[in-house]
Every structure is written in C-alpha cells, then in structure tokens.
Amino acid sequence: MPDQFKLTRQGKTWQIMARKGAGAATEAAWISLGGCPDQVVAVRVWLALVALKGRK
C-alpha cells in the first residue's frame, strides 16, 4: 500500500503532504497540510499522522 503522508523540503520550510484520493499512485494528487521551518517539529507532526493512520 502506498504511503498516505510524506515529508518534503520546499525552500526553507518542511511541508507535510497528504495524498488525496484512493486511486492508483499514478492518479494521486498531493495536497499540503502545512509547512514548518523547524525540521524536528515537522517530523513529529508527520510521525503522528502516520501513527494515527494505523489506529483505524
């Protein structure tokens, strides 16, 4: 199963991205959930999202 969330660097900020739609990876559209200039905070938010996805 492809990842639902990803963490990318854009300029001086870290962007947390979420995949929109449940289609194939070629049809995936990524939307930004927000950016953070601090890498540690961005990683914590990303890890929290990944952990919550597994608790369904």
PDB file of N, CA and C in Angstrom:
ATOM      1  N   MET A   1       0.844  -1.175   0.000  1.00  0.00           N
ATOM      2  CA  MET A   1       0.000   0.000   0.000  1.00  0.00           C
ATOM      3  C   MET A   1       0.892   1.242   0.000  1.00  0.00           C
ATOM      4  N   PRO A   2       0.618   2.201  -0.864  1.00  0.00           N
ATOM      5  CA  PRO A   2       1.439   3.403  -0.917  1.00  0.00           C
ATOM      6  C   PRO A   2       1.261   4.266   0.336  1.00  0.00           C
ATOM      7  N   ASP A   3       2.248   5.088   0.587  1.00  0.00           N
ATOM      8  CA  ASP A   3       2.186   5.973   1.745  1.00  0.00           C
ATOM      9  C   ASP A   3       1.086   7.003   1.577  1.00  0.00           C
ATOM     10  N   GLN A   4       0.429   7.341   2.672  1.00  0.00           N
ATOM     11  CA  GLN A   4      -0.629   8.337   2.663  1.00  0.00           C
ATOM     12  C   GLN A   4      -0.071   9.736   2.948  1.00  0.00           C
ATOM     13  N   PHE A   5       1.043   9.805   3.650  1.00  0.00           N
ATOM     14  CA  PHE A   5       1.655  11.079   4.016  1.00  0.00           C
ATOM     15  C   PHE A   5       3.124  11.076   3.625  1.00  0.00           C
ATOM     16  N   LYS A   6       3.643  12.259   3.303  1.00  0.00           N
ATOM     17  CA  LYS A   6       5.071  12.368   3.025  1.00  0.00           C
ATOM     18  C   LYS A   6       5.563  13.720   3.523  1.00  0.00           C
ATOM     19  N   LEU A   7       6.848  13.794   3.738  1.00  0.00           N
ATOM     20  CA  LEU A   7       7.505  14.987   4.239  1.00  0.00           C
ATOM     21  C   LEU A   7       8.503  15.441   3.183  1.00  0.00           C
ATOM     22  N   THR A   8       8.379  16.683   2.733  1.00  0.00           N
ATOM     23  CA  THR A   8       9.263  17.199   1.692  1.00  0.00           C
ATOM     24  C   THR A   8       9.830  18.546   2.121  1.00  0.00           C
ATOM     25  N   ARG A   9      10.952  18.882   1.528  1.00  0.00           N
ATOM     26  CA  ARG A   9      11.590  20.170   1.791  1.00  0.00           C
ATOM     27  C   ARG A   9      11.295  21.101   0.624  1.00  0.00           C
ATOM     28  N   GLN A  10      10.750  22.283   0.911  1.00  0.00           N
ATOM     29  CA  GLN A  10      10.479  23.283  -0.121  1.00  0.00           C
ATOM     30  C   GLN A  10      11.043  24.614   0.361  1.00  0.00           C
ATOM     31  N   GLY A  11      12.146  24.998  -0.230  1.00  0.00           N
ATOM     32  CA  GLY A  11      12.797  26.238   0.205  1.00  0.00           C
ATOM     33  C   GLY A  11      13.352  26.081   1.608  1.00  0.00           C
ATOM     34  N   LYS A  12      12.950  26.969   2.498  1.00  0.00           N
ATOM     35  CA  LYS A  12      13.425  26.916   3.885  1.00  0.00           C
ATOM     36  C   LYS A  12      12.434  26.257   4.829  1.00  0.00           C
ATOM     37  N   THR A  13      11.356  25.685   4.291  1.00  0.00           N
ATOM     38  CA  THR A  13      10.353  25.048   5.143  1.00  0.00           C
ATOM     39  C   THR A  13      10.186  23.574   4.790  1.00  0.00           C
ATOM     40  N   TRP A  14       9.696  22.833   5.745  1.00  0.00           N
ATOM     41  CA  TRP A  14       9.349  21.420   5.563  1.00  0.00           C
ATOM     42  C   TRP A  14       7.844  21.342   5.392  1.00  0.00           C
ATOM     43  N   GLN A  15       7.388  20.681   4.338  1.00  0.00           N
ATOM     44  CA  GLN A  15       5.966  20.545   4.030  1.00  0.00           C
ATOM     45  C   GLN A  15       5.494  19.138   4.347  1.00  0.00           C
ATOM     46  N   ILE A  16       4.374  19.045   5.064  1.00  0.00           N
ATOM     47  CA  ILE A  16       3.734  17.757   5.298  1.00  0.00           C
ATOM     48  C   ILE A  16       2.651  17.628   4.239  1.00  0.00           C
ATOM     49  N   MET A  17       2.742  16.570   3.439  1.00  0.00           N
ATOM     50  CA  MET A  17       1.830  16.376   2.316  1.00  0.00           C
ATOM     51  C   MET A  17       0.950  15.155   2.575  1.00  0.00           C
ATOM     52  N   ALA A  18      -0.308  15.245   2.151  1.00  0.00           N
ATOM     53  CA  ALA A  18      -1.244  14.130   2.265  1.00  0.00           C
ATOM     54  C   ALA A  18      -1.729  13.768   0.869  1.00  0.00           C
ATOM     55  N   ARG A  19      -1.880  12.484   0.628  1.00  0.00           N
ATOM     56  CA  ARG A  19      -2.363  12.014  -0.664  1.00  0.00           C
ATOM     57  C   ARG A  19      -3.876  12.142  -0.708  1.00  0.00           C
ATOM     58  N   LYS A  20      -4.376  12.759  -1.757  1.00  0.00           N
ATOM     59  CA  LYS A  20      -5.813  12.946  -1.918  1.00  0.00           C
ATOM     60  C   LYS A  20      -6.333  11.895  -2.882  1.00  0.00           C
ATOM     61  N   GLY A  21      -7.328  11.161  -2.465  1.00  0.00           N
ATOM     62  CA  GLY A  21      -7.919  10.129  -3.316  1.00  0.00           C
ATOM     63  C   GLY A  21      -7.348   8.767  -3.006  1.00  0.00           C
ATOM     64  N   ALA A  22      -8.110   7.746  -3.343  1.00  0.00           N
ATOM     65  CA  ALA A  22      -7.696   6.375  -3.065  1.00  0.00           C
ATOM     66  C   ALA A  22      -7.335   5.625  -4.331  1.00  0.00           C
ATOM     67  N   GLY A  23      -7.127   6.337  -5.431  1.00  0.00           N
ATOM     68  CA  GLY A  23      -6.825   5.684  -6.701  1.00  0.00           C
ATOM     69  C   GLY A  23      -5.406   5.178  -6.753  1.00  0.00           C
ATOM     70  N   ALA A  24      -5.005   4.776  -7.930  1.00  0.00           N
ATOM     71  CA  ALA A  24      -3.645   4.275  -8.140  1.00  0.00           C
ATOM     72  C   ALA A  24      -2.636   5.398  -7.923  1.00  0.00           C
ATOM     73  N   ALA A  25      -1.393   5.019  -7.725  1.00  0.00           N
ATOM     74  CA  ALA A  25      -0.337   6.003  -7.464  1.00  0.00           C
ATOM     75  C   ALA A  25      -0.176   6.989  -8.611  1.00  0.00           C
ATOM     76  N   THR A  26      -0.477   6.569  -9.824  1.00  0.00           N
ATOM     77  CA  THR A  26      -0.351   7.478 -10.964  1.00  0.00           C
ATOM     78  C   THR A  26      -1.422   8.554 -10.945  1.00  0.00           C
ATOM     79  N   GLU A  27      -2.522   8.309 -10.238  1.00  0.00           N
ATOM     80  CA  GLU A  27      -3.625   9.255 -10.162  1.00  0.00           C
ATOM     81  C   GLU A  27      -3.561  10.105  -8.896  1.00  0.00           C
ATOM     82  N   ALA A  28      -2.585   9.888  -8.055  1.00  0.00           N
ATOM     83  CA  ALA A  28      -2.528  10.552  -6.759  1.00  0.00           C
ATOM     84  C   ALA A  28      -2.282  12.048  -6.913  1.00  0.00           C
ATOM     85  N   ALA A  29      -3.007  12.808  -6.132  1.00  0.00           N
ATOM     86  CA  ALA A  29      -2.793  14.247  -6.041  1.00  0.00           C
ATOM     87  C   ALA A  29      -2.378  14.539  -4.598  1.00  0.00           C
ATOM     88  N   TRP A  30      -1.281  15.213  -4.428  1.00  0.00           N
ATOM     89  CA  TRP A  30      -0.778  15.525  -3.092  1.00  0.00           C
ATOM     90  C   TRP A  30      -1.176  16.944  -2.716  1.00  0.00           C
ATOM     91  N   ILE A  31      -1.688  17.119  -1.500  1.00  0.00           N
ATOM     92  CA  ILE A  31      -2.020  18.444  -1.005  1.00  0.00           C
ATOM     93  C   ILE A  31      -1.187  18.727   0.236  1.00  0.00           C
ATOM     94  N   SER A  32      -0.825  19.979   0.419  1.00  0.00           N
ATOM     95  CA  SER A  32      -0.012  20.364   1.559  1.00  0.00           C
ATOM     96  C   SER A  32      -0.890  20.579   2.785  1.00  0.00           C
ATOM     97  N   LEU A  33      -0.505  19.977   3.900  1.00  0.00           N
ATOM     98  CA  LEU A  33      -1.210  20.188   5.158  1.00  0.00           C
ATOM     99  C   LEU A  33      -0.620  21.366   5.923  1.00  0.00           C
ATOM    100  N   GLY A  34       0.515  21.840   5.483  1.00  0.00           N
ATOM    101  CA  GLY A  34       1.154  22.983   6.135  1.00  0.00           C
ATOM    102  C   GLY A  34       2.654  22.841   6.118  1.00  0.00           C
ATOM    103  N   GLY A  35       3.306  23.927   6.434  1.00  0.00           N
ATOM    104  CA  GLY A  35       4.755  23.947   6.444  1.00  0.00           C
ATOM    105  C   GLY A  35       5.288  24.382   7.787  1.00  0.00           C
ATOM    106  N   CYS A  36       6.531  24.028   8.042  1.00  0.00           N
ATOM    107  CA  CYS A  36       7.173  24.365   9.301  1.00  0.00           C
ATOM    108  C   CYS A  36       8.652  24.606   9.036  1.00  0.00           C
ATOM    109  N   PRO A  37       9.212  25.700   9.561  1.00  0.00           N
ATOM    110  CA  PRO A  37      10.636  25.942   9.345  1.00  0.00           C
ATOM    111  C   PRO A  37      11.536  25.024  10.173  1.00  0.00           C
ATOM    112  N   ASP A  38      11.002  24.411  11.214  1.00  0.00           N
ATOM    113  CA  ASP A  38      11.781  23.551  12.103  1.00  0.00           C
ATOM    114  C   ASP A  38      11.608  22.090  11.693  1.00  0.00           C
ATOM    115  N   GLN A  39      12.702  21.441  11.348  1.00  0.00           N
ATOM    116  CA  GLN A  39      12.651  20.056  10.885  1.00  0.00           C
ATOM    117  C   GLN A  39      12.142  19.112  11.968  1.00  0.00           C
ATOM    118  N   VAL A  40      12.533  19.319  13.207  1.00  0.00           N
ATOM    119  CA  VAL A  40      12.135  18.423  14.296  1.00  0.00           C
ATOM    120  C   VAL A  40      10.620  18.442  14.482  1.00  0.00           C
ATOM    121  N   VAL A  41      10.027  19.619  14.473  1.00  0.00           N
ATOM    122  CA  VAL A  41       8.574  19.735  14.636  1.00  0.00           C
ATOM    123  C   VAL A  41       7.862  19.096  13.451  1.00  0.00           C
ATOM    124  N   ALA A  42       8.350  19.332  12.244  1.00  0.00           N
ATOM    125  CA  ALA A  42       7.735  18.748  11.053  1.00  0.00           C
ATOM    126  C   ALA A  42       7.770  17.220  11.104  1.00  0.00           C
ATOM    127  N   VAL A  43       8.874  16.650  11.537  1.00  0.00           N
ATOM    128  CA  VAL A  43       8.980  15.189  11.637  1.00  0.00           C
ATOM    129  C   VAL A  43       8.025  14.659  12.700  1.00  0.00           C
ATOM    130  N   ARG A  44       7.880  15.364  13.802  1.00  0.00           N
ATOM    131  CA  ARG A  44       6.948  14.925  14.853  1.00  0.00           C
ATOM    132  C   ARG A  44       5.506  14.922  14.360  1.00  0.00           C
ATOM    133  N   VAL A  45       5.127  15.959  13.632  1.00  0.00           N
ATOM    134  CA  VAL A  45       3.768  16.017  13.080  1.00  0.00           C
ATOM    135  C   VAL A  45       3.567  14.887  12.075  1.00  0.00           C
ATOM    136  N   TRP A  46       4.546  14.672  11.194  1.00  0.00           N
ATOM    137  CA  TRP A  46       4.453  13.602  10.199  1.00  0.00           C
ATOM    138  C   TRP A  46       4.336  12.235  10.876  1.00  0.00           C
ATOM    139  N   LEU A  47       5.150  11.986  11.894  1.00  0.00           N
ATOM    140  CA  LEU A  47       5.084  10.710  12.606  1.00  0.00           C
ATOM    141  C   LEU A  47       3.731  10.519  13.295  1.00  0.00           C
ATOM    142  N   ALA A  48       3.187  11.578  13.855  1.00  0.00           N
ATOM    143  CA  ALA A  48       1.871  11.489  14.497  1.00  0.00           C
ATOM    144  C   ALA A  48       0.793  11.121  13.473  1.00  0.00           C
ATOM    145  N   LEU A  49       0.844  11.720  12.293  1.00  0.00           N
ATOM    146  CA  LEU A  49      -0.123  11.391  11.248  1.00  0.00           C
ATOM    147  C   LEU A  49       0.013   9.942  10.808  1.00  0.00           C
ATOM    148  N   VAL A  50       1.231   9.471  10.635  1.00  0.00           N
ATOM    149  CA  VAL A  50       1.455   8.084  10.228  1.00  0.00           C
ATOM    150  C   VAL A  50       0.966   7.124  11.314  1.00  0.00           C
ATOM    151  N   ALA A  51       1.198   7.455  12.573  1.00  0.00           N
ATOM    152  CA  ALA A  51       0.764   6.592  13.677  1.00  0.00           C
ATOM    153  C   ALA A  51      -0.760   6.566  13.786  1.00  0.00           C
ATOM    154  N   LEU A  52      -1.426   7.695  13.605  1.00  0.00           N
ATOM    155  CA  LEU A  52      -2.878   7.728  13.694  1.00  0.00           C
ATOM    156  C   LEU A  52      -3.546   6.964  12.563  1.00  0.00           C
ATOM    157  N   LYS A  53      -2.922   6.940  11.397  1.00  0.00           N
ATOM    158  CA  LYS A  53      -3.478   6.202  10.262  1.00  0.00           C
ATOM    159  C   LYS A  53      -3.563   4.712  10.587  1.00  0.00           C
ATOM    160  N   GLY A  54      -2.598   4.193  11.323  1.00  0.00           N
ATOM    161  CA  GLY A  54      -2.571   2.784  11.665  1.00  0.00           C
ATOM    162  C   GLY A  54      -3.535   2.382  12.778  1.00  0.00           C
ATOM    163  N   ARG A  55      -4.198   3.342  13.395  1.00  0.00           N
ATOM    164  CA  ARG A  55      -5.086   3.039  14.515  1.00  0.00           C
ATOM    165  C   ARG A  55      -6.550   2.925  14.128  1.00  0.00           C
ATOM    166  N   LYS A  56      -6.850   2.765  12.875  1.00  0.00           N
ATOM    167  CA  LYS A  56      -8.258   2.675  12.433  1.00  0.00           C
ATOM    168  C   LYS A  56      -8.880   1.400  12.875  1.00  0.00           C
TER     169      LYS A  56
END
